Amino acid sequence: MTALVRVAAIDDDTLIRDGLARLVPGLDVVGAFADVPAFLAAGPQVEVVLLDLTLGGAAARPGPRGPDAVAAVVRAGYRVLVYTGERRRAVLVACLHAGASGIVHKSEPLDALGVAAAEVAAGRVVITQALTGLAELAGRRGALPSLSPRERQVLAGRARGESFRSIAARLFVTERTAAGYMDGVKAKFAAYLRDHSPADLERALGLEPLDITDRPPA
């Protein structure tokens, strides 16, 4: 008989948290948590952590989400299998770069989650069929430049038509500094911004306000 994989789930969906143990063959769900802080405080002994990316439900407390959540759980010494409905490639690639050992899309059959968890527990990296092509994109690190927290804040302001004067006042920097951050964004995404607006870039990178890749300023 194949041994069950000991997992913990971090998901703000009660149905997912309560249903995994009953619905997914091969999983021994030893803990289910609505957010990363609750999981880290408990520190369960598991082989794999199943991590959702949004974590914005009523039960979830403020804490890391998206790639930041992946990084926080990986730093605590766990293998992370992202289990998500997210499809934006920039967001998913960021999760892989943050240390995720696998990604399973929630549109996959439940059996795929059990198989992927076993693979991750064995030390392998898994990306399921629903996300074909993601592994190749993840390997092309130069294709997805990263933005600093300040560059992301300035991009968000410009995406909404905010002036550099207003952005500078809000961030307590000079107008020249604010414009310089935007110059950094333009340098990293020059080809894209030739034919697209800052708002288009923000959406493509999954950086909408209060979205799963938001981070506090440095």
N, C-alpha and C. Protein backbone atom coordinates (compact mmCIF):
# COMPACT_ATOMS: atom_id res chain seq x y z
N MET A 1 0.84 -1.20 0.00
CA MET A 1 0.00 0.00 0.00
C MET A 1 0.88 1.25 0.00
N THR A 2 0.60 2.21 -0.88
CA THR A 2 1.39 3.43 -0.99
C THR A 2 1.15 4.33 0.22
N ALA A 3 2.25 4.81 0.78
CA ALA A 3 2.14 5.69 1.96
C ALA A 3 1.49 7.01 1.58
N LEU A 4 0.68 7.53 2.47
CA LEU A 4 0.05 8.82 2.25
C LEU A 4 1.07 9.93 2.42
N VAL A 5 0.90 11.01 1.66
CA VAL A 5 1.77 12.18 1.77
C VAL A 5 1.20 13.11 2.84
N ARG A 6 2.02 13.42 3.84
CA ARG A 6 1.57 14.32 4.91
C ARG A 6 1.63 15.75 4.40
N VAL A 7 0.47 16.42 4.38
CA VAL A 7 0.41 17.77 3.85
C VAL A 7 -0.34 18.69 4.81
N ALA A 8 -0.08 19.97 4.67
CA ALA A 8 -0.89 21.01 5.30
C ALA A 8 -1.40 21.91 4.19
N ALA A 9 -2.59 22.44 4.35
CA ALA A 9 -3.18 23.32 3.35
C ALA A 9 -3.29 24.73 3.90
N ILE A 10 -2.91 25.70 3.07
CA ILE A 10 -3.12 27.12 3.40
C ILE A 10 -4.04 27.66 2.32
N ASP A 11 -5.29 27.88 2.67
CA ASP A 11 -6.29 28.29 1.68
C ASP A 11 -7.42 28.99 2.42
N ASP A 12 -7.90 30.11 1.90
CA ASP A 12 -8.97 30.82 2.59
C ASP A 12 -10.35 30.29 2.22
N ASP A 13 -10.41 29.27 1.37
CA ASP A 13 -11.67 28.65 0.98
C ASP A 13 -11.96 27.49 1.93
N THR A 14 -13.02 27.61 2.71
CA THR A 14 -13.36 26.57 3.69
C THR A 14 -13.58 25.23 3.01
N LEU A 15 -14.20 25.23 1.83
CA LEU A 15 -14.47 23.98 1.13
C LEU A 15 -13.18 23.26 0.79
N ILE A 16 -12.18 24.02 0.33
CA ILE A 16 -10.88 23.42 0.01
C ILE A 16 -10.24 22.87 1.27
N ARG A 17 -10.20 23.68 2.32
CA ARG A 17 -9.53 23.25 3.55
C ARG A 17 -10.17 21.99 4.13
N ASP A 18 -11.50 21.97 4.16
CA ASP A 18 -12.19 20.85 4.79
C ASP A 18 -12.35 19.64 3.87
N GLY A 19 -12.30 19.90 2.55
CA GLY A 19 -12.59 18.83 1.62
C GLY A 19 -11.40 18.03 1.12
N LEU A 20 -10.19 18.57 1.24
CA LEU A 20 -9.03 17.90 0.67
C LEU A 20 -8.86 16.48 1.21
N ALA A 21 -8.96 16.33 2.51
CA ALA A 21 -8.73 15.02 3.12
C ALA A 21 -9.72 13.98 2.62
N ARG A 22 -10.95 14.42 2.31
CA ARG A 22 -11.99 13.49 1.88
C ARG A 22 -11.95 13.24 0.37
N LEU A 23 -11.49 14.23 -0.38
CA LEU A 23 -11.66 14.17 -1.83
C LEU A 23 -10.41 13.80 -2.61
N VAL A 24 -9.23 13.98 -2.01
CA VAL A 24 -7.99 13.75 -2.77
C VAL A 24 -7.29 12.49 -2.29
N PRO A 25 -7.24 11.47 -3.11
CA PRO A 25 -6.55 10.23 -2.73
C PRO A 25 -5.06 10.49 -2.50
N GLY A 26 -4.51 9.81 -1.52
CA GLY A 26 -3.07 9.87 -1.31
C GLY A 26 -2.60 10.94 -0.36
N LEU A 27 -3.51 11.78 0.15
CA LEU A 27 -3.10 12.87 1.03
C LEU A 27 -3.53 12.60 2.47
N ASP A 28 -2.60 12.82 3.39
CA ASP A 28 -2.91 12.84 4.82
C ASP A 28 -2.84 14.30 5.25
N VAL A 29 -4.00 14.96 5.30
CA VAL A 29 -4.06 16.39 5.60
C VAL A 29 -4.03 16.55 7.13
N VAL A 30 -2.88 16.98 7.63
CA VAL A 30 -2.70 17.07 9.09
C VAL A 30 -3.00 18.46 9.63
N GLY A 31 -3.24 19.41 8.75
CA GLY A 31 -3.57 20.75 9.21
C GLY A 31 -4.08 21.60 8.06
N ALA A 32 -5.00 22.51 8.35
CA ALA A 32 -5.54 23.42 7.34
C ALA A 32 -5.63 24.80 7.95
N PHE A 33 -5.15 25.81 7.23
CA PHE A 33 -5.01 27.15 7.77
C PHE A 33 -5.51 28.17 6.76
N ALA A 34 -6.09 29.27 7.26
CA ALA A 34 -6.65 30.30 6.40
C ALA A 34 -5.59 31.28 5.91
N ASP A 35 -4.41 31.31 6.55
CA ASP A 35 -3.38 32.28 6.16
C ASP A 35 -2.01 31.78 6.58
N VAL A 36 -0.99 32.42 6.05
CA VAL A 36 0.39 32.02 6.31
C VAL A 36 0.80 32.22 7.77
N PRO A 37 0.46 33.37 8.41
CA PRO A 37 0.84 33.53 9.82
C PRO A 37 0.32 32.40 10.71
N ALA A 38 -0.91 31.97 10.50
CA ALA A 38 -1.47 30.88 11.32
C ALA A 38 -0.70 29.59 11.08
N PHE A 39 -0.35 29.33 9.83
CA PHE A 39 0.42 28.13 9.52
C PHE A 39 1.80 28.17 10.17
N LEU A 40 2.49 29.29 10.03
CA LEU A 40 3.84 29.40 10.59
C LEU A 40 3.82 29.31 12.11
N ALA A 41 2.78 29.86 12.74
CA ALA A 41 2.68 29.78 14.20
C ALA A 41 2.50 28.33 14.65
N ALA A 42 1.76 27.54 13.88
CA ALA A 42 1.52 26.14 14.24
C ALA A 42 2.73 25.27 13.94
N GLY A 43 3.42 25.55 12.83
CA GLY A 43 4.61 24.80 12.46
C GLY A 43 4.40 23.30 12.36
N PRO A 44 3.41 22.82 11.61
CA PRO A 44 3.15 21.38 11.55
C PRO A 44 4.28 20.61 10.85
N GLN A 45 4.44 19.36 11.22
CA GLN A 45 5.45 18.50 10.60
C GLN A 45 4.82 17.84 9.38
N VAL A 46 5.12 18.37 8.21
CA VAL A 46 4.53 17.85 6.97
C VAL A 46 5.60 17.76 5.89
N GLU A 47 5.27 17.00 4.87
CA GLU A 47 6.19 16.84 3.73
C GLU A 47 5.97 17.93 2.67
N VAL A 48 4.73 18.36 2.54
CA VAL A 48 4.38 19.33 1.49
C VAL A 48 3.33 20.29 2.03
N VAL A 49 3.45 21.55 1.64
CA VAL A 49 2.44 22.57 1.97
C VAL A 49 1.70 22.92 0.69
N LEU A 50 0.39 22.76 0.69
CA LEU A 50 -0.47 23.16 -0.43
C LEU A 50 -0.88 24.60 -0.19
N LEU A 51 -0.47 25.48 -1.07
CA LEU A 51 -0.64 26.91 -0.84
C LEU A 51 -1.47 27.58 -1.92
N ASP A 52 -2.57 28.21 -1.51
CA ASP A 52 -3.32 29.06 -2.42
C ASP A 52 -2.62 30.42 -2.48
N LEU A 53 -2.97 31.24 -3.46
CA LEU A 53 -2.26 32.51 -3.63
C LEU A 53 -3.04 33.72 -3.18
N THR A 54 -4.36 33.68 -3.20
CA THR A 54 -5.13 34.90 -2.91
C THR A 54 -5.24 35.18 -1.43
N LEU A 55 -5.69 34.23 -0.64
CA LEU A 55 -5.75 34.34 0.82
C LEU A 55 -6.39 35.64 1.26
N GLY A 56 -7.53 35.96 0.68
CA GLY A 56 -8.17 37.22 1.01
C GLY A 56 -9.56 37.08 1.60
N GLY A 57 -9.94 35.87 2.02
CA GLY A 57 -11.27 35.65 2.55
C GLY A 57 -11.45 36.21 3.94
N ALA A 58 -12.66 36.07 4.47
CA ALA A 58 -12.98 36.66 5.76
C ALA A 58 -12.16 36.06 6.89
N ALA A 59 -11.75 34.78 6.74
CA ALA A 59 -11.01 34.12 7.81
C ALA A 59 -9.52 34.45 7.80
N ALA A 60 -9.05 35.01 6.70
CA ALA A 60 -7.62 35.27 6.57
C ALA A 60 -7.21 36.56 7.25
N ARG A 61 -6.08 36.51 7.94
CA ARG A 61 -5.52 37.70 8.57
C ARG A 61 -4.53 38.36 7.61
N PRO A 62 -4.13 39.60 7.89
CA PRO A 62 -3.09 40.22 7.05
C PRO A 62 -1.83 39.37 7.09
N GLY A 63 -1.24 39.20 5.95
CA GLY A 63 -0.03 38.38 5.86
C GLY A 63 0.41 38.28 4.43
N PRO A 64 1.52 37.60 4.17
CA PRO A 64 2.02 37.50 2.79
C PRO A 64 1.08 36.72 1.91
N ARG A 65 1.05 37.10 0.64
CA ARG A 65 0.24 36.41 -0.35
C ARG A 65 1.08 36.20 -1.59
N GLY A 66 0.61 35.38 -2.51
CA GLY A 66 1.29 35.19 -3.77
C GLY A 66 2.73 34.75 -3.61
N PRO A 67 3.63 35.26 -4.45
CA PRO A 67 5.04 34.87 -4.35
C PRO A 67 5.65 35.15 -2.97
N ASP A 68 5.19 36.21 -2.30
CA ASP A 68 5.69 36.50 -0.95
C ASP A 68 5.31 35.39 0.02
N ALA A 69 4.11 34.84 -0.12
CA ALA A 69 3.69 33.73 0.73
C ALA A 69 4.53 32.50 0.45
N VAL A 70 4.79 32.23 -0.82
CA VAL A 70 5.66 31.10 -1.18
C VAL A 70 7.02 31.25 -0.50
N ALA A 71 7.62 32.44 -0.64
CA ALA A 71 8.95 32.67 -0.07
C ALA A 71 8.95 32.49 1.45
N ALA A 72 7.89 32.98 2.13
CA ALA A 72 7.83 32.88 3.58
C ALA A 72 7.76 31.42 4.04
N VAL A 73 6.98 30.60 3.34
CA VAL A 73 6.84 29.20 3.72
C VAL A 73 8.11 28.42 3.38
N VAL A 74 8.72 28.73 2.24
CA VAL A 74 9.97 28.06 1.87
C VAL A 74 11.08 28.40 2.87
N ARG A 75 11.15 29.66 3.29
CA ARG A 75 12.17 30.05 4.27
C ARG A 75 12.01 29.29 5.59
N ALA A 76 10.79 28.90 5.89
CA ALA A 76 10.54 28.15 7.13
C ALA A 76 10.91 26.68 6.99
N GLY A 77 11.39 26.28 5.81
CA GLY A 77 11.89 24.92 5.62
C GLY A 77 10.93 23.94 5.00
N TYR A 78 9.88 24.43 4.36
CA TYR A 78 8.88 23.54 3.77
C TYR A 78 8.98 23.49 2.25
N ARG A 79 8.54 22.37 1.68
CA ARG A 79 8.34 22.27 0.23
C ARG A 79 6.93 22.79 -0.07
N VAL A 80 6.82 23.66 -1.05
CA VAL A 80 5.54 24.31 -1.36
C VAL A 80 5.02 23.84 -2.71
N LEU A 81 3.77 23.39 -2.70
CA LEU A 81 3.05 23.09 -3.93
C LEU A 81 1.91 24.10 -4.04
N VAL A 82 2.01 24.99 -5.00
CA VAL A 82 0.98 26.02 -5.20
C VAL A 82 -0.25 25.36 -5.82
N TYR A 83 -1.41 25.59 -5.20
CA TYR A 83 -2.68 25.06 -5.70
C TYR A 83 -3.59 26.25 -5.90
N THR A 84 -3.82 26.64 -7.15
CA THR A 84 -4.37 27.96 -7.43
C THR A 84 -5.27 27.98 -8.65
N GLY A 85 -6.11 29.02 -8.71
CA GLY A 85 -6.89 29.31 -9.90
C GLY A 85 -6.23 30.38 -10.76
N GLU A 86 -5.09 30.87 -10.33
CA GLU A 86 -4.37 31.93 -11.04
C GLU A 86 -3.79 31.41 -12.35
N ARG A 87 -3.90 32.21 -13.42
CA ARG A 87 -3.34 31.82 -14.72
C ARG A 87 -2.32 32.81 -15.27
N ARG A 88 -2.18 33.98 -14.64
CA ARG A 88 -1.23 34.95 -15.19
C ARG A 88 0.19 34.40 -15.04
N ARG A 89 0.86 34.28 -16.16
CA ARG A 89 2.16 33.61 -16.16
C ARG A 89 3.20 34.37 -15.35
N ALA A 90 3.15 35.67 -15.39
CA ALA A 90 4.14 36.45 -14.64
C ALA A 90 4.03 36.15 -13.15
N VAL A 91 2.81 36.00 -12.66
CA VAL A 91 2.60 35.70 -11.24
C VAL A 91 3.10 34.29 -10.92
N LEU A 92 2.78 33.32 -11.76
CA LEU A 92 3.16 31.94 -11.50
C LEU A 92 4.67 31.74 -11.61
N VAL A 93 5.28 32.41 -12.58
CA VAL A 93 6.74 32.34 -12.69
C VAL A 93 7.39 32.93 -11.45
N ALA A 94 6.83 34.02 -10.93
CA ALA A 94 7.36 34.61 -9.70
C ALA A 94 7.28 33.63 -8.54
N CYS A 95 6.23 32.81 -8.50
CA CYS A 95 6.12 31.80 -7.45
C CYS A 95 7.21 30.75 -7.57
N LEU A 96 7.52 30.33 -8.79
CA LEU A 96 8.60 29.38 -8.99
C LEU A 96 9.94 29.98 -8.59
N HIS A 97 10.15 31.22 -8.97
CA HIS A 97 11.39 31.90 -8.59
C HIS A 97 11.48 32.10 -7.08
N ALA A 98 10.33 32.18 -6.40
CA ALA A 98 10.31 32.34 -4.94
C ALA A 98 10.56 31.02 -4.21
N GLY A 99 10.61 29.92 -4.97
CA GLY A 99 10.97 28.65 -4.36
C GLY A 99 9.91 27.56 -4.39
N ALA A 100 8.76 27.81 -5.04
CA ALA A 100 7.74 26.76 -5.12
C ALA A 100 8.28 25.54 -5.84
N SER A 101 7.93 24.36 -5.35
CA SER A 101 8.37 23.11 -5.97
C SER A 101 7.38 22.60 -7.01
N GLY A 102 6.23 23.23 -7.10
CA GLY A 102 5.26 22.79 -8.07
C GLY A 102 4.06 23.70 -8.11
N ILE A 103 3.31 23.61 -9.21
CA ILE A 103 2.08 24.39 -9.38
C ILE A 103 1.02 23.49 -9.99
N VAL A 104 -0.14 23.43 -9.34
CA VAL A 104 -1.29 22.69 -9.86
C VAL A 104 -2.44 23.67 -9.98
N HIS A 105 -3.06 23.71 -11.14
CA HIS A 105 -4.19 24.61 -11.33
C HIS A 105 -5.46 23.95 -10.80
N LYS A 106 -6.35 24.76 -10.23
CA LYS A 106 -7.57 24.21 -9.62
C LYS A 106 -8.57 23.68 -10.64
N SER A 107 -8.30 23.89 -11.92
CA SER A 107 -9.14 23.30 -12.95
C SER A 107 -8.78 21.84 -13.22
N GLU A 108 -7.64 21.39 -12.70
CA GLU A 108 -7.19 20.01 -12.91
C GLU A 108 -8.07 19.05 -12.11
N PRO A 109 -8.15 17.79 -12.56
CA PRO A 109 -8.82 16.76 -11.74
C PRO A 109 -8.14 16.65 -10.38
N LEU A 110 -8.91 16.30 -9.36
CA LEU A 110 -8.35 16.22 -8.01
C LEU A 110 -7.23 15.20 -7.90
N ASP A 111 -7.29 14.14 -8.71
CA ASP A 111 -6.23 13.15 -8.68
C ASP A 111 -4.87 13.77 -9.00
N ALA A 112 -4.88 14.80 -9.86
CA ALA A 112 -3.62 15.44 -10.25
C ALA A 112 -2.94 16.08 -9.05
N LEU A 113 -3.73 16.58 -8.12
CA LEU A 113 -3.16 17.20 -6.92
C LEU A 113 -2.45 16.16 -6.06
N GLY A 114 -3.08 15.01 -5.89
CA GLY A 114 -2.45 13.95 -5.11
C GLY A 114 -1.15 13.47 -5.73
N VAL A 115 -1.15 13.29 -7.04
CA VAL A 115 0.06 12.85 -7.75
C VAL A 115 1.16 13.90 -7.62
N ALA A 116 0.80 15.17 -7.80
CA ALA A 116 1.78 16.24 -7.72
C ALA A 116 2.37 16.34 -6.31
N ALA A 117 1.55 16.17 -5.29
CA ALA A 117 2.04 16.23 -3.91
C ALA A 117 3.06 15.13 -3.66
N ALA A 118 2.82 13.94 -4.19
CA ALA A 118 3.77 12.84 -4.03
C ALA A 118 5.08 13.15 -4.74
N GLU A 119 4.99 13.75 -5.91
CA GLU A 119 6.20 14.12 -6.65
C GLU A 119 7.01 15.16 -5.89
N VAL A 120 6.34 16.18 -5.38
CA VAL A 120 7.03 17.23 -4.64
C VAL A 120 7.65 16.66 -3.36
N ALA A 121 6.93 15.77 -2.67
CA ALA A 121 7.46 15.15 -1.46
C ALA A 121 8.73 14.36 -1.76
N ALA A 122 8.83 13.84 -2.99
CA ALA A 122 10.01 13.07 -3.40
C ALA A 122 11.15 13.97 -3.89
N GLY A 123 10.92 15.28 -3.83
CA GLY A 123 11.99 16.21 -4.20
C GLY A 123 11.99 16.64 -5.65
N ARG A 124 10.91 16.36 -6.35
CA ARG A 124 10.84 16.75 -7.75
C ARG A 124 9.99 18.01 -7.94
N VAL A 125 10.18 18.67 -9.08
CA VAL A 125 9.42 19.87 -9.42
C VAL A 125 8.30 19.48 -10.38
N VAL A 126 7.10 19.94 -10.10
CA VAL A 126 5.92 19.52 -10.87
C VAL A 126 5.15 20.74 -11.37
N ILE A 127 4.83 20.74 -12.66
CA ILE A 127 3.92 21.74 -13.23
C ILE A 127 2.94 20.97 -14.10
N THR A 128 1.66 21.04 -13.79
CA THR A 128 0.68 20.18 -14.44
C THR A 128 0.29 20.68 -15.83
N GLN A 129 -0.45 19.83 -16.56
CA GLN A 129 -0.77 20.08 -17.96
C GLN A 129 -1.51 21.39 -18.20
N ALA A 130 -2.33 21.82 -17.24
CA ALA A 130 -3.10 23.04 -17.44
C ALA A 130 -2.21 24.26 -17.59
N LEU A 131 -0.95 24.13 -17.22
CA LEU A 131 -0.02 25.27 -17.27
C LEU A 131 1.13 24.98 -18.21
N THR A 132 0.84 24.30 -19.30
CA THR A 132 1.86 23.95 -20.28
C THR A 132 2.61 25.20 -20.75
N GLY A 133 3.92 25.10 -20.82
CA GLY A 133 4.74 26.21 -21.27
C GLY A 133 5.28 27.07 -20.14
N LEU A 134 4.76 26.89 -18.94
CA LEU A 134 5.20 27.72 -17.82
C LEU A 134 6.64 27.42 -17.44
N ALA A 135 7.04 26.15 -17.48
CA ALA A 135 8.40 25.79 -17.09
C ALA A 135 9.42 26.46 -18.02
N GLU A 136 9.12 26.47 -19.31
CA GLU A 136 10.02 27.11 -20.26
C GLU A 136 10.13 28.60 -19.97
N LEU A 137 9.00 29.23 -19.70
CA LEU A 137 9.01 30.66 -19.40
C LEU A 137 9.76 30.94 -18.11
N ALA A 138 9.60 30.06 -17.12
CA ALA A 138 10.27 30.24 -15.83
C ALA A 138 11.78 30.19 -15.99
N GLY A 139 12.25 29.41 -16.95
CA GLY A 139 13.69 29.31 -17.17
C GLY A 139 14.28 30.53 -17.83
N ARG A 140 13.44 31.35 -18.45
CA ARG A 140 13.92 32.55 -19.14
C ARG A 140 13.81 33.74 -18.19
N ARG A 141 14.66 33.75 -17.18
CA ARG A 141 14.57 34.78 -16.14
C ARG A 141 14.66 36.19 -16.73
N GLY A 142 15.49 36.33 -17.78
CA GLY A 142 15.66 37.66 -18.37
C GLY A 142 14.40 38.18 -19.04
N ALA A 143 13.44 37.28 -19.32
CA ALA A 143 12.22 37.71 -19.99
C ALA A 143 11.24 38.38 -19.03
N LEU A 144 11.48 38.23 -17.74
CA LEU A 144 10.56 38.80 -16.76
C LEU A 144 11.35 39.62 -15.73
N PRO A 145 11.77 40.82 -16.09
CA PRO A 145 12.50 41.64 -15.12
C PRO A 145 11.65 41.90 -13.89
N SER A 146 12.29 42.02 -12.75
CA SER A 146 11.54 42.31 -11.53
C SER A 146 11.54 43.80 -11.26
N LEU A 147 10.50 44.26 -10.59
CA LEU A 147 10.40 45.66 -10.20
C LEU A 147 10.63 45.79 -8.70
N SER A 148 11.29 46.87 -8.31
CA SER A 148 11.45 47.13 -6.88
C SER A 148 10.11 47.58 -6.31
N PRO A 149 9.94 47.52 -4.99
CA PRO A 149 8.68 47.98 -4.41
C PRO A 149 8.33 49.41 -4.80
N ARG A 150 9.33 50.31 -4.81
CA ARG A 150 9.06 51.70 -5.19
C ARG A 150 8.68 51.81 -6.67
N GLU A 151 9.33 51.06 -7.53
CA GLU A 151 8.97 51.08 -8.95
C GLU A 151 7.53 50.61 -9.13
N ARG A 152 7.12 49.63 -8.36
CA ARG A 152 5.76 49.13 -8.45
C ARG A 152 4.76 50.18 -7.98
N GLN A 153 5.10 50.92 -6.93
CA GLN A 153 4.20 51.95 -6.43
C GLN A 153 4.06 53.09 -7.45
N VAL A 154 5.16 53.49 -8.05
CA VAL A 154 5.10 54.57 -9.04
C VAL A 154 4.35 54.11 -10.28
N LEU A 155 4.59 52.89 -10.72
CA LEU A 155 3.84 52.34 -11.86
C LEU A 155 2.35 52.35 -11.57
N ALA A 156 1.96 51.96 -10.35
CA ALA A 156 0.54 51.95 -9.99
C ALA A 156 -0.06 53.35 -10.09
N GLY A 157 0.69 54.35 -9.62
CA GLY A 157 0.20 55.72 -9.71
C GLY A 157 0.05 56.19 -11.15
N ARG A 158 1.07 55.93 -11.94
CA ARG A 158 1.01 56.36 -13.35
C ARG A 158 -0.08 55.61 -14.11
N ALA A 159 -0.32 54.35 -13.74
CA ALA A 159 -1.37 53.56 -14.41
C ALA A 159 -2.75 54.19 -14.19
N ARG A 160 -2.89 54.98 -13.13
CA ARG A 160 -4.15 55.64 -12.82
C ARG A 160 -4.13 57.12 -13.17
N GLY A 161 -3.12 57.54 -13.93
CA GLY A 161 -3.06 58.92 -14.38
C GLY A 161 -2.57 59.89 -13.33
N GLU A 162 -1.99 59.40 -12.25
CA GLU A 162 -1.51 60.27 -11.18
C GLU A 162 -0.25 61.00 -11.63
N SER A 163 -0.13 62.26 -11.27
CA SER A 163 1.05 63.04 -11.65
C SER A 163 2.25 62.65 -10.78
N PHE A 164 3.46 62.94 -11.30
CA PHE A 164 4.65 62.67 -10.50
C PHE A 164 4.66 63.52 -9.23
N ARG A 165 4.11 64.72 -9.30
CA ARG A 165 4.04 65.57 -8.11
C ARG A 165 3.21 64.90 -7.03
N SER A 166 2.05 64.35 -7.42
CA SER A 166 1.18 63.69 -6.45
C SER A 166 1.82 62.41 -5.91
N ILE A 167 2.43 61.64 -6.80
CA ILE A 167 3.09 60.41 -6.38
C ILE A 167 4.22 60.74 -5.40
N ALA A 168 5.00 61.76 -5.73
CA ALA A 168 6.12 62.14 -4.88
C ALA A 168 5.65 62.54 -3.48
N ALA A 169 4.56 63.30 -3.43
CA ALA A 169 4.03 63.72 -2.13
C ALA A 169 3.54 62.53 -1.32
N ARG A 170 2.91 61.59 -1.99
CA ARG A 170 2.36 60.42 -1.31
C ARG A 170 3.46 59.51 -0.79
N LEU A 171 4.56 59.42 -1.53
CA LEU A 171 5.65 58.51 -1.15
C LEU A 171 6.77 59.22 -0.38
N PHE A 172 6.60 60.54 -0.17
CA PHE A 172 7.60 61.33 0.57
C PHE A 172 8.97 61.29 -0.11
N VAL A 173 8.94 61.47 -1.45
CA VAL A 173 10.18 61.58 -2.22
C VAL A 173 10.04 62.81 -3.12
N THR A 174 11.11 63.16 -3.81
CA THR A 174 11.05 64.29 -4.73
C THR A 174 10.42 63.86 -6.05
N GLU A 175 9.95 64.87 -6.81
CA GLU A 175 9.39 64.54 -8.12
C GLU A 175 10.42 63.87 -9.01
N ARG A 176 11.67 64.37 -8.93
CA ARG A 176 12.73 63.78 -9.75
C ARG A 176 12.94 62.32 -9.38
N THR A 177 12.87 62.01 -8.10
CA THR A 177 13.05 60.63 -7.67
C THR A 177 11.90 59.75 -8.17
N ALA A 178 10.68 60.27 -8.07
CA ALA A 178 9.53 59.51 -8.55
C ALA A 178 9.66 59.25 -10.05
N ALA A 179 10.05 60.27 -10.80
CA ALA A 179 10.24 60.11 -12.24
C ALA A 179 11.35 59.11 -12.53
N GLY A 180 12.37 59.11 -11.69
CA GLY A 180 13.47 58.17 -11.86
C GLY A 180 13.03 56.73 -11.68
N TYR A 181 12.13 56.50 -10.73
CA TYR A 181 11.61 55.14 -10.56
C TYR A 181 10.85 54.70 -11.81
N MET A 182 10.07 55.63 -12.39
CA MET A 182 9.35 55.28 -13.61
C MET A 182 10.30 55.05 -14.77
N ASP A 183 11.40 55.81 -14.81
CA ASP A 183 12.42 55.57 -15.84
C ASP A 183 12.97 54.15 -15.71
N GLY A 184 13.11 53.68 -14.46
CA GLY A 184 13.59 52.32 -14.25
C GLY A 184 12.61 51.29 -14.79
N VAL A 185 11.31 51.55 -14.59
CA VAL A 185 10.29 50.66 -15.14
C VAL A 185 10.37 50.64 -16.66
N LYS A 186 10.49 51.83 -17.26
CA LYS A 186 10.55 51.92 -18.72
C LYS A 186 11.77 51.21 -19.28
N ALA A 187 12.89 51.31 -18.57
CA ALA A 187 14.11 50.65 -19.04
C ALA A 187 13.95 49.14 -19.04
N LYS A 188 13.26 48.61 -18.03
CA LYS A 188 13.09 47.15 -17.92
C LYS A 188 12.05 46.61 -18.89
N PHE A 189 11.06 47.43 -19.24
CA PHE A 189 9.96 46.97 -20.09
C PHE A 189 9.79 47.89 -21.31
N ALA A 190 10.91 48.32 -21.86
CA ALA A 190 10.87 49.30 -22.96
C ALA A 190 10.08 48.76 -24.15
N ALA A 191 10.34 47.52 -24.54
CA ALA A 191 9.67 46.97 -25.71
C ALA A 191 8.17 46.90 -25.50
N TYR A 192 7.74 46.48 -24.32
CA TYR A 192 6.31 46.36 -24.04
C TYR A 192 5.65 47.73 -24.01
N LEU A 193 6.30 48.71 -23.38
CA LEU A 193 5.69 50.02 -23.21
C LEU A 193 5.68 50.85 -24.49
N ARG A 194 6.36 50.40 -25.52
CA ARG A 194 6.27 51.11 -26.80
C ARG A 194 4.86 51.03 -27.36
N ASP A 195 4.17 49.91 -27.09
CA ASP A 195 2.83 49.70 -27.66
C ASP A 195 1.74 49.55 -26.61
N HIS A 196 2.10 49.68 -25.32
CA HIS A 196 1.12 49.49 -24.26
C HIS A 196 1.26 50.58 -23.21
N SER A 197 0.20 50.78 -22.45
CA SER A 197 0.19 51.81 -21.41
C SER A 197 0.73 51.23 -20.10
N PRO A 198 1.07 52.12 -19.12
CA PRO A 198 1.43 51.62 -17.79
C PRO A 198 0.35 50.74 -17.18
N ALA A 199 -0.92 51.06 -17.44
CA ALA A 199 -2.01 50.24 -16.91
C ALA A 199 -1.98 48.84 -17.52
N ASP A 200 -1.67 48.75 -18.82
CA ASP A 200 -1.55 47.44 -19.46
C ASP A 200 -0.43 46.63 -18.82
N LEU A 201 0.69 47.29 -18.57
CA LEU A 201 1.83 46.60 -17.96
C LEU A 201 1.48 46.11 -16.56
N GLU A 202 0.80 46.95 -15.82
CA GLU A 202 0.40 46.58 -14.46
C GLU A 202 -0.46 45.32 -14.47
N ARG A 203 -1.43 45.28 -15.39
CA ARG A 203 -2.31 44.11 -15.48
C ARG A 203 -1.53 42.87 -15.92
N ALA A 204 -0.63 43.03 -16.89
CA ALA A 204 0.14 41.89 -17.39
C ALA A 204 1.01 41.26 -16.32
N LEU A 205 1.52 42.08 -15.41
CA LEU A 205 2.40 41.59 -14.35
C LEU A 205 1.62 41.15 -13.11
N GLY A 206 0.31 41.34 -13.11
CA GLY A 206 -0.49 40.96 -11.95
C GLY A 206 -0.26 41.88 -10.78
N LEU A 207 -0.13 43.18 -11.04
CA LEU A 207 0.18 44.13 -9.97
C LEU A 207 -0.97 45.07 -9.66
N GLU A 208 -2.20 44.65 -9.94
CA GLU A 208 -3.33 45.51 -9.61
C GLU A 208 -3.38 45.78 -8.11
N PRO A 209 -3.99 46.89 -7.71
CA PRO A 209 -4.04 47.23 -6.27
C PRO A 209 -4.63 46.09 -5.45
N LEU A 210 -4.02 45.83 -4.29
CA LEU A 210 -4.45 44.80 -3.36
C LEU A 210 -4.40 43.41 -3.98
N ASP A 211 -3.58 43.28 -5.04
CA ASP A 211 -3.52 41.99 -5.70
C ASP A 211 -2.47 41.12 -5.05
N ILE A 212 -2.30 39.90 -5.55
CA ILE A 212 -1.52 38.92 -4.83
C ILE A 212 -0.02 39.15 -4.89
N THR A 213 0.43 40.09 -5.72
CA THR A 213 1.87 40.34 -5.75
C THR A 213 2.23 41.62 -5.03
N ASP A 214 1.27 42.28 -4.35
CA ASP A 214 1.59 43.51 -3.61
C ASP A 214 2.57 43.23 -2.50
N ARG A 215 3.51 44.14 -2.30
CA ARG A 215 4.47 44.03 -1.21
C ARG A 215 4.57 45.39 -0.54
N PRO A 216 4.93 45.42 0.71
CA PRO A 216 5.15 46.71 1.38
C PRO A 216 6.38 47.39 0.84
N PRO A 217 6.46 48.72 0.90
CA PRO A 217 7.64 49.41 0.41
C PRO A 217 8.87 49.05 1.21
N ALA A 218 10.02 49.11 0.53
CA ALA A 218 11.28 48.82 1.21
C ALA A 218 11.67 49.99 2.10
